[in-house]
Amino acid sequence: MKTLLKVLTPVAIAAMVVAGCEEKSPTAGSGTTGSSSVPGKAVDAAKGVAGAVADKSKEAAAAADSAMGGAKDAVVAGFNTALEGVKGTIDQLKAKVPGVSAENKDALNSAISGLESKFTAAKNKIADLKNATGDFSGLKDEITSMIDGLKTAAKDAASKFLK
């Protein structure tokens, strides 16, 4: 009998170890991986870590968007200031229309119309920039180019008609 116990005891222990390590399949409707088993606990722990990493990533992205938003607001304000200067030139040109000779009136009205069109296009792009998310450097460069062209056109018109 002792010999039989000596042989069966290790076999029984091995059977219990194998049965204890066996991964339990989740029951229908349970969203776990058998968290009572060692592999299940490891999977659940990994999911927890992944969730924490995802949360931290979202926080970092929100902080970056907030910082970029402050920079974007400063860029928008600078563009609006530049447009205000051009708007003043357009207003001066409009005030000059009644006193211009008939031969120059069409040219002045054409210049004003072109400036107003460029002004409106730049204003709309600035509104797009204000609502933009993420990297806005391409849009910023486009608006800078538009405003530079607008300033040049306003300066040319002013030199012709505002003497």
C-alpha atoms as a PDB file:
ATOM      1  CA  MET A   1       0.000   0.000   0.000  1.00  0.00           C
ATOM      2  CA  LYS A   2       2.822   2.371   0.840  1.00  0.00           C
ATOM      3  CA  THR A   3       4.376   1.656  -2.517  1.00  0.00           C
ATOM      4  CA  LEU A   4       1.106   2.389  -4.235  1.00  0.00           C
ATOM      5  CA  LEU A   5       0.830   5.731  -2.396  1.00  0.00           C
ATOM      6  CA  LYS A   6       4.406   6.577  -3.292  1.00  0.00           C
ATOM      7  CA  VAL A   7       3.578   6.040  -6.971  1.00  0.00           C
ATOM      8  CA  LEU A   8       0.115   7.638  -6.986  1.00  0.00           C
ATOM      9  CA  THR A   9       0.971  10.717  -4.935  1.00  0.00           C
ATOM     10  CA  PRO A  10       3.280  12.298  -7.548  1.00  0.00           C
ATOM     11  CA  VAL A  11       0.794  11.370 -10.283  1.00  0.00           C
ATOM     12  CA  ALA A  12      -2.067  12.966  -8.331  1.00  0.00           C
ATOM     13  CA  ILE A  13      -0.010  16.098  -7.661  1.00  0.00           C
ATOM     14  CA  ALA A  14       0.943  16.365 -11.329  1.00  0.00           C
ATOM     15  CA  ALA A  15      -2.705  15.977 -12.327  1.00  0.00           C
ATOM     16  CA  MET A  16      -3.734  18.755  -9.932  1.00  0.00           C
ATOM     17  CA  VAL A  17      -1.001  21.076 -11.227  1.00  0.00           C
ATOM     18  CA  VAL A  18      -1.995  20.468 -14.832  1.00  0.00           C
ATOM     19  CA  ALA A  19      -5.662  20.986 -14.022  1.00  0.00           C
ATOM     20  CA  GLY A  20      -4.877  24.184 -12.074  1.00  0.00           C
ATOM     21  CA  CYS A  21      -2.836  25.696 -14.921  1.00  0.00           C
ATOM     22  CA  GLU A  22      -5.354  24.841 -17.564  1.00  0.00           C
ATOM     23  CA  GLU A  23      -6.775  28.027 -19.078  1.00  0.00           C
ATOM     24  CA  LYS A  24     -10.468  28.335 -18.517  1.00  0.00           C
ATOM     25  CA  SER A  25     -12.392  29.505 -21.538  1.00  0.00           C
ATOM     26  CA  PRO A  26     -14.674  32.414 -20.754  1.00  0.00           C
ATOM     27  CA  THR A  27     -18.317  31.643 -20.393  1.00  0.00           C
ATOM     28  CA  ALA A  28     -20.732  33.138 -22.870  1.00  0.00           C
ATOM     29  CA  GLY A  29     -21.394  36.767 -22.061  1.00  0.00           C
ATOM     30  CA  SER A  30     -18.406  37.231 -19.780  1.00  0.00           C
ATOM     31  CA  GLY A  31     -15.852  39.629 -21.184  1.00  0.00           C
ATOM     32  CA  THR A  32     -12.883  38.190 -19.321  1.00  0.00           C
ATOM     33  CA  THR A  33     -10.185  35.740 -20.257  1.00  0.00           C
ATOM     34  CA  GLY A  34     -10.591  33.575 -17.216  1.00  0.00           C
ATOM     35  CA  SER A  35      -9.017  35.917 -14.707  1.00  0.00           C
ATOM     36  CA  SER A  36      -8.893  33.170 -12.089  1.00  0.00           C
ATOM     37  CA  SER A  37      -6.153  31.472 -14.107  1.00  0.00           C
ATOM     38  CA  VAL A  38      -2.568  32.748 -14.242  1.00  0.00           C
ATOM     39  CA  PRO A  39      -2.650  33.484 -17.985  1.00  0.00           C
ATOM     40  CA  GLY A  40      -6.018  35.181 -17.569  1.00  0.00           C
ATOM     41  CA  LYS A  41      -4.658  37.393 -14.798  1.00  0.00           C
ATOM     42  CA  ALA A  42      -1.685  38.310 -16.972  1.00  0.00           C
ATOM     43  CA  VAL A  43      -3.953  39.229 -19.871  1.00  0.00           C
ATOM     44  CA  ASP A  44      -6.168  41.309 -17.592  1.00  0.00           C
ATOM     45  CA  ALA A  45      -3.109  43.089 -16.170  1.00  0.00           C
ATOM     46  CA  ALA A  46      -1.820  43.788 -19.698  1.00  0.00           C
ATOM     47  CA  LYS A  47      -5.202  45.229 -20.643  1.00  0.00           C
ATOM     48  CA  GLY A  48      -5.060  47.502 -17.605  1.00  0.00           C
ATOM     49  CA  VAL A  49      -1.589  48.733 -18.534  1.00  0.00           C
ATOM     50  CA  ALA A  50      -2.657  49.283 -22.149  1.00  0.00           C
ATOM     51  CA  GLY A  51      -5.662  51.287 -20.963  1.00  0.00           C
ATOM     52  CA  ALA A  52      -3.449  53.439 -18.746  1.00  0.00           C
ATOM     53  CA  VAL A  53      -1.021  54.055 -21.621  1.00  0.00           C
ATOM     54  CA  ALA A  54      -3.911  55.021 -23.903  1.00  0.00           C
ATOM     55  CA  ASP A  55      -5.232  57.454 -21.277  1.00  0.00           C
ATOM     56  CA  LYS A  56      -1.806  59.077 -20.866  1.00  0.00           C
ATOM     57  CA  SER A  57      -1.463  59.344 -24.650  1.00  0.00           C
ATOM     58  CA  LYS A  58      -4.799  61.135 -24.852  1.00  0.00           C
ATOM     59  CA  GLU A  59      -3.728  63.513 -22.073  1.00  0.00           C
ATOM     60  CA  ALA A  60      -0.452  64.280 -23.864  1.00  0.00           C
ATOM     61  CA  ALA A  61      -2.273  64.896 -27.156  1.00  0.00           C
ATOM     62  CA  ALA A  62      -4.707  67.252 -25.418  1.00  0.00           C
ATOM     63  CA  ALA A  63      -1.818  69.164 -23.828  1.00  0.00           C
ATOM     64  CA  ALA A  64      -0.087  69.485 -27.209  1.00  0.00           C
ATOM     65  CA  ASP A  65      -3.308  70.705 -28.851  1.00  0.00           C
ATOM     66  CA  SER A  66      -3.721  73.253 -26.075  1.00  0.00           C
ATOM     67  CA  ALA A  67      -0.178  74.555 -26.559  1.00  0.00           C
ATOM     68  CA  MET A  68      -0.635  74.687 -30.332  1.00  0.00           C
ATOM     69  CA  GLY A  69      -3.949  76.466 -29.827  1.00  0.00           C
ATOM     70  CA  GLY A  70      -2.175  79.289 -27.991  1.00  0.00           C
ATOM     71  CA  ALA A  71       0.358  79.616 -30.795  1.00  0.00           C
ATOM     72  CA  LYS A  72      -2.409  79.471 -33.378  1.00  0.00           C
ATOM     73  CA  ASP A  73      -4.336  82.246 -31.618  1.00  0.00           C
ATOM     74  CA  ALA A  74      -1.248  84.465 -31.733  1.00  0.00           C
ATOM     75  CA  VAL A  75      -0.782  83.773 -35.457  1.00  0.00           C
ATOM     76  CA  VAL A  76      -4.460  84.549 -36.153  1.00  0.00           C
ATOM     77  CA  ALA A  77      -4.190  87.821 -34.214  1.00  0.00           C
ATOM     78  CA  GLY A  78      -1.103  88.815 -36.221  1.00  0.00           C
ATOM     79  CA  PHE A  79      -2.859  88.070 -39.506  1.00  0.00           C
ATOM     80  CA  ASN A  80      -5.918  90.088 -38.442  1.00  0.00           C
ATOM     81  CA  THR A  81      -3.683  93.039 -37.547  1.00  0.00           C
ATOM     82  CA  ALA A  82      -2.071  92.887 -40.993  1.00  0.00           C
ATOM     83  CA  LEU A  83      -5.503  92.819 -42.620  1.00  0.00           C
ATOM     84  CA  GLU A  84      -6.626  95.855 -40.616  1.00  0.00           C
ATOM     85  CA  GLY A  85      -3.748  97.843 -42.143  1.00  0.00           C
ATOM     86  CA  VAL A  86      -4.769  96.805 -45.654  1.00  0.00           C
ATOM     87  CA  LYS A  87      -8.421  97.573 -44.866  1.00  0.00           C
ATOM     88  CA  GLY A  88      -7.366 101.128 -43.987  1.00  0.00           C
ATOM     89  CA  THR A  89      -5.707 101.497 -47.388  1.00  0.00           C
ATOM     90  CA  ILE A  90      -8.819 100.127 -49.141  1.00  0.00           C
ATOM     91  CA  ASP A  91     -10.984 102.624 -47.231  1.00  0.00           C
ATOM     92  CA  GLN A  92      -8.673 105.488 -48.258  1.00  0.00           C
ATOM     93  CA  LEU A  93      -8.887 104.374 -51.890  1.00  0.00           C
ATOM     94  CA  LYS A  94     -12.704 104.228 -51.717  1.00  0.00           C
ATOM     95  CA  ALA A  95     -12.803 107.753 -50.297  1.00  0.00           C
ATOM     96  CA  LYS A  96     -10.705 108.934 -53.244  1.00  0.00           C
ATOM     97  CA  VAL A  97     -13.122 107.605 -55.928  1.00  0.00           C
ATOM     98  CA  PRO A  98     -15.419 110.687 -56.121  1.00  0.00           C
ATOM     99  CA  GLY A  99     -12.497 113.062 -56.684  1.00  0.00           C
ATOM    100  CA  VAL A 100     -10.728 111.017 -59.371  1.00  0.00           C
ATOM    101  CA  SER A 101     -10.971 111.948 -63.029  1.00  0.00           C
ATOM    102  CA  ALA A 102     -13.228 109.842 -65.241  1.00  0.00           C
ATOM    103  CA  GLU A 103     -10.221 108.300 -66.984  1.00  0.00           C
ATOM    104  CA  ASN A 104      -8.760 107.047 -63.688  1.00  0.00           C
ATOM    105  CA  LYS A 105     -12.062 106.117 -62.008  1.00  0.00           C
ATOM    106  CA  ASP A 106     -12.359 102.740 -63.758  1.00  0.00           C
ATOM    107  CA  ALA A 107      -8.773 101.827 -62.884  1.00  0.00           C
ATOM    108  CA  LEU A 108      -9.284 102.842 -59.238  1.00  0.00           C
ATOM    109  CA  ASN A 109     -12.560 100.903 -58.969  1.00  0.00           C
ATOM    110  CA  SER A 110     -10.870  97.881 -60.533  1.00  0.00           C
ATOM    111  CA  ALA A 111      -7.990  98.129 -58.046  1.00  0.00           C
ATOM    112  CA  ILE A 112     -10.427  98.426 -55.131  1.00  0.00           C
ATOM    113  CA  SER A 113     -12.432  95.445 -56.378  1.00  0.00           C
ATOM    114  CA  GLY A 114      -9.285  93.319 -56.697  1.00  0.00           C
ATOM    115  CA  LEU A 115      -8.106  94.322 -53.219  1.00  0.00           C
ATOM    116  CA  GLU A 116     -11.499  93.546 -51.682  1.00  0.00           C
ATOM    117  CA  SER A 117     -11.550  90.142 -53.356  1.00  0.00           C
ATOM    118  CA  LYS A 118      -8.078  89.278 -52.042  1.00  0.00           C
ATOM    119  CA  PHE A 119      -9.009  90.707 -48.626  1.00  0.00           C
ATOM    120  CA  THR A 120     -12.105  88.469 -48.411  1.00  0.00           C
ATOM    121  CA  ALA A 121     -10.153  85.390 -49.508  1.00  0.00           C
ATOM    122  CA  ALA A 122      -7.488  86.045 -46.840  1.00  0.00           C
ATOM    123  CA  LYS A 123     -10.159  86.664 -44.186  1.00  0.00           C
ATOM    124  CA  ASN A 124     -11.823  83.327 -45.051  1.00  0.00           C
ATOM    125  CA  LYS A 125      -8.492  81.473 -44.853  1.00  0.00           C
ATOM    126  CA  ILE A 126      -7.844  83.035 -41.450  1.00  0.00           C
ATOM    127  CA  ALA A 127     -11.236  81.723 -40.310  1.00  0.00           C
ATOM    128  CA  ASP A 128     -10.188  78.276 -41.586  1.00  0.00           C
ATOM    129  CA  LEU A 129      -6.960  78.569 -39.598  1.00  0.00           C
ATOM    130  CA  LYS A 130      -8.835  79.564 -36.464  1.00  0.00           C
ATOM    131  CA  ASN A 131     -10.915  76.375 -36.726  1.00  0.00           C
ATOM    132  CA  ALA A 132      -8.014  74.139 -37.775  1.00  0.00           C
ATOM    133  CA  THR A 133      -6.759  71.317 -35.576  1.00  0.00           C
ATOM    134  CA  GLY A 134      -3.384  69.637 -35.572  1.00  0.00           C
ATOM    135  CA  ASP A 135      -0.545  70.902 -37.708  1.00  0.00           C
ATOM    136  CA  PHE A 136      -1.557  74.195 -39.303  1.00  0.00           C
ATOM    137  CA  SER A 137       1.827  75.238 -40.724  1.00  0.00           C
ATOM    138  CA  GLY A 138       0.791  74.691 -44.351  1.00  0.00           C
ATOM    139  CA  LEU A 139      -2.297  76.853 -43.929  1.00  0.00           C
ATOM    140  CA  LYS A 140      -0.225  79.477 -42.102  1.00  0.00           C
ATOM    141  CA  ASP A 141       2.244  79.620 -44.993  1.00  0.00           C
ATOM    142  CA  GLU A 142      -0.600  79.944 -47.496  1.00  0.00           C
ATOM    143  CA  ILE A 143      -2.151  82.842 -45.567  1.00  0.00           C
ATOM    144  CA  THR A 144       1.235  84.544 -45.208  1.00  0.00           C
ATOM    145  CA  SER A 145       1.649  84.409 -48.976  1.00  0.00           C
ATOM    146  CA  MET A 146      -1.883  85.742 -49.525  1.00  0.00           C
ATOM    147  CA  ILE A 147      -1.361  88.656 -47.142  1.00  0.00           C
ATOM    148  CA  ASP A 148       2.017  89.496 -48.664  1.00  0.00           C
ATOM    149  CA  GLY A 149       0.370  89.639 -52.108  1.00  0.00           C
ATOM    150  CA  LEU A 150      -2.473  91.742 -50.717  1.00  0.00           C
ATOM    151  CA  LYS A 151      -0.057  94.183 -49.084  1.00  0.00           C
ATOM    152  CA  THR A 152       1.907  94.521 -52.316  1.00  0.00           C
ATOM    153  CA  ALA A 153      -1.261  95.161 -54.344  1.00  0.00           C
ATOM    154  CA  ALA A 154      -2.490  97.718 -51.771  1.00  0.00           C
ATOM    155  CA  LYS A 155       0.875  99.492 -51.806  1.00  0.00           C
ATOM    156  CA  ASP A 156       0.850  99.622 -55.625  1.00  0.00           C
ATOM    157  CA  ALA A 157      -2.696 101.006 -55.692  1.00  0.00           C
ATOM    158  CA  ALA A 158      -1.864 103.552 -52.996  1.00  0.00           C
ATOM    159  CA  SER A 159       1.189 104.748 -54.896  1.00  0.00           C
ATOM    160  CA  LYS A 160      -0.943 105.286 -58.027  1.00  0.00           C
ATOM    161  CA  PHE A 161      -4.022 106.860 -56.487  1.00  0.00           C
ATOM    162  CA  LEU A 162      -3.130 108.245 -53.045  1.00  0.00           C
ATOM    163  CA  LYS A 163      -0.693 111.062 -53.809  1.00  0.00           C
END
